[in-house]
């Protein structure tokens, strides 16, 4: 009912910037929260950032706070580090959850976009 497509990934040197986009279609009026997660090879999927669709409250993982900025449609990533290398996923939550940092709170996911930060 909600379709998400990420774009904007690629290769960038440490210290550089990328902007990831999340194009949403379908029953977007039901979305309460948009979130971004990332997963590196051999590691579990981890929370990056989230924004409440109404009200605009934002949440950030400590590892990206001050470097990344989330909006309803984009994730702006600045001062990138090699440890930011991962596949990044956009996600949508059609119902309210207090625990926005938990992947299980989201029902809809994009296909992912690869981000590689070189040293």
Protein backbone atom coordinates (compact mmCIF):
# COMPACT_ATOMS: atom_id res chain seq x y z
CA UNK A 1 0.00 0.00 0.00
CA UNK A 2 3.05 2.23 0.42
CA UNK A 3 5.92 1.98 -2.02
CA UNK A 4 9.34 3.42 -1.30
CA UNK A 5 12.27 3.92 -3.66
CA UNK A 6 15.66 5.13 -2.45
CA UNK A 7 18.21 6.86 -4.62
CA UNK A 8 21.36 8.91 -4.29
CA UNK A 9 23.86 6.34 -3.08
CA UNK A 10 27.33 6.02 -4.50
CA UNK A 11 31.04 6.29 -3.84
CA UNK A 12 32.44 9.25 -1.95
CA UNK A 13 35.68 10.07 -0.16
CA UNK A 14 35.82 10.54 3.58
CA UNK A 15 34.70 14.04 4.49
CA UNK A 16 32.40 14.28 1.51
CA UNK A 17 28.63 14.51 1.29
CA UNK A 18 25.72 12.62 -0.21
CA UNK A 19 21.99 13.22 -0.27
CA UNK A 20 19.76 10.17 -0.25
CA UNK A 21 16.18 10.49 -1.43
CA UNK A 22 13.13 8.43 -0.59
CA UNK A 23 10.29 8.62 -3.10
CA UNK A 24 7.01 7.49 -1.54
CA UNK A 25 3.82 6.56 -3.33
CA UNK A 26 0.55 4.86 -2.47
CA UNK A 27 -1.30 5.54 0.75
CA UNK A 28 1.22 8.03 2.04
CA UNK A 29 -1.43 9.87 4.05
CA UNK A 30 -1.30 7.02 6.56
CA UNK A 31 2.42 7.43 7.28
CA UNK A 32 3.32 8.48 10.81
CA UNK A 33 7.08 8.14 10.67
CA UNK A 34 9.76 8.03 7.99
CA UNK A 35 13.00 6.39 8.98
CA UNK A 36 16.41 5.46 7.64
CA UNK A 37 18.36 2.36 8.57
CA UNK A 38 21.63 0.97 7.32
CA UNK A 39 23.26 -2.42 7.18
CA UNK A 40 26.89 -3.27 6.58
CA UNK A 41 28.05 -6.79 5.58
CA UNK A 42 28.07 -9.12 8.55
CA UNK A 43 26.33 -6.61 10.80
CA UNK A 44 22.77 -6.15 11.95
CA UNK A 45 20.55 -3.46 10.53
CA UNK A 46 20.93 -0.31 12.61
CA UNK A 47 18.92 2.84 13.08
CA UNK A 48 20.19 6.04 11.47
CA UNK A 49 17.49 8.71 11.68
CA UNK A 50 13.73 9.23 11.73
CA UNK A 51 11.22 12.04 11.39
CA UNK A 52 7.57 12.28 12.41
CA UNK A 53 5.46 13.08 9.35
CA UNK A 54 3.28 15.41 11.37
CA UNK A 55 5.07 17.74 13.72
CA UNK A 56 8.52 17.14 12.26
CA UNK A 57 10.22 15.76 15.37
CA UNK A 58 13.56 14.21 14.41
CA UNK A 59 15.65 11.45 15.92
CA UNK A 60 19.28 10.54 15.24
CA UNK A 61 21.66 7.80 16.16
CA UNK A 62 24.56 9.12 18.22
CA UNK A 63 26.97 8.02 15.52
CA UNK A 64 25.47 10.42 12.95
CA UNK A 65 24.20 13.27 15.10
CA UNK A 66 25.57 16.58 13.88
CA UNK A 67 26.52 15.14 10.49
CA UNK A 68 23.24 13.85 9.04
CA UNK A 69 19.97 15.73 8.59
CA UNK A 70 16.65 14.02 7.89
CA UNK A 71 13.57 15.44 6.23
CA UNK A 72 10.40 13.78 4.97
CA UNK A 73 11.97 13.10 1.58
CA UNK A 74 15.72 13.13 2.08
CA UNK A 75 18.66 12.18 4.24
CA UNK A 76 21.50 14.68 3.90
CA UNK A 77 24.82 13.12 4.90
CA UNK A 78 27.82 15.34 5.54
CA UNK A 79 31.32 14.70 6.86
CA UNK A 80 31.07 11.07 5.83
CA UNK A 81 33.35 8.49 7.42
CA UNK A 82 34.41 5.03 6.22
CA UNK A 83 32.29 3.50 8.98
CA UNK A 84 29.22 5.01 7.29
CA UNK A 85 29.67 2.49 4.45
CA UNK A 86 26.51 0.40 4.23
CA UNK A 87 23.31 -0.21 2.33
CA UNK A 88 20.84 2.45 3.36
CA UNK A 89 17.12 1.73 3.56
CA UNK A 90 14.17 4.08 3.73
CA UNK A 91 11.23 2.88 5.81
CA UNK A 92 7.69 4.00 6.59
CA UNK A 93 5.59 3.37 9.68
CA UNK A 94 1.81 3.41 8.99
CA UNK A 95 0.94 3.45 12.69
CA UNK A 96 2.32 5.27 15.69
CA UNK A 97 5.24 3.71 17.51
CA UNK A 98 7.23 5.35 20.26
CA UNK A 99 10.30 3.24 19.51
CA UNK A 100 11.31 4.77 16.19
CA UNK A 101 14.81 3.31 16.45
CA UNK A 102 13.55 -0.26 16.11
CA UNK A 103 13.30 -1.74 12.61
CA UNK A 104 10.27 -3.81 13.60
CA UNK A 105 8.25 -0.62 14.02
CA UNK A 106 8.24 -0.08 10.25
CA UNK A 107 6.00 -1.95 7.81
CA UNK A 108 7.26 -0.67 4.47
CA UNK A 109 10.80 -0.65 3.14
CA UNK A 110 12.63 0.45 0.04
CA UNK A 111 15.06 -1.74 -1.86
CA UNK A 112 18.13 -0.04 -0.43
CA UNK A 113 20.89 2.08 -1.91
CA UNK A 114 24.61 1.44 -1.49
CA UNK A 115 26.86 4.04 0.11
CA UNK A 116 30.61 3.49 0.06
CA UNK A 117 32.95 5.91 1.82
CA UNK A 118 36.61 5.50 0.98
CA UNK A 119 39.55 6.46 3.16
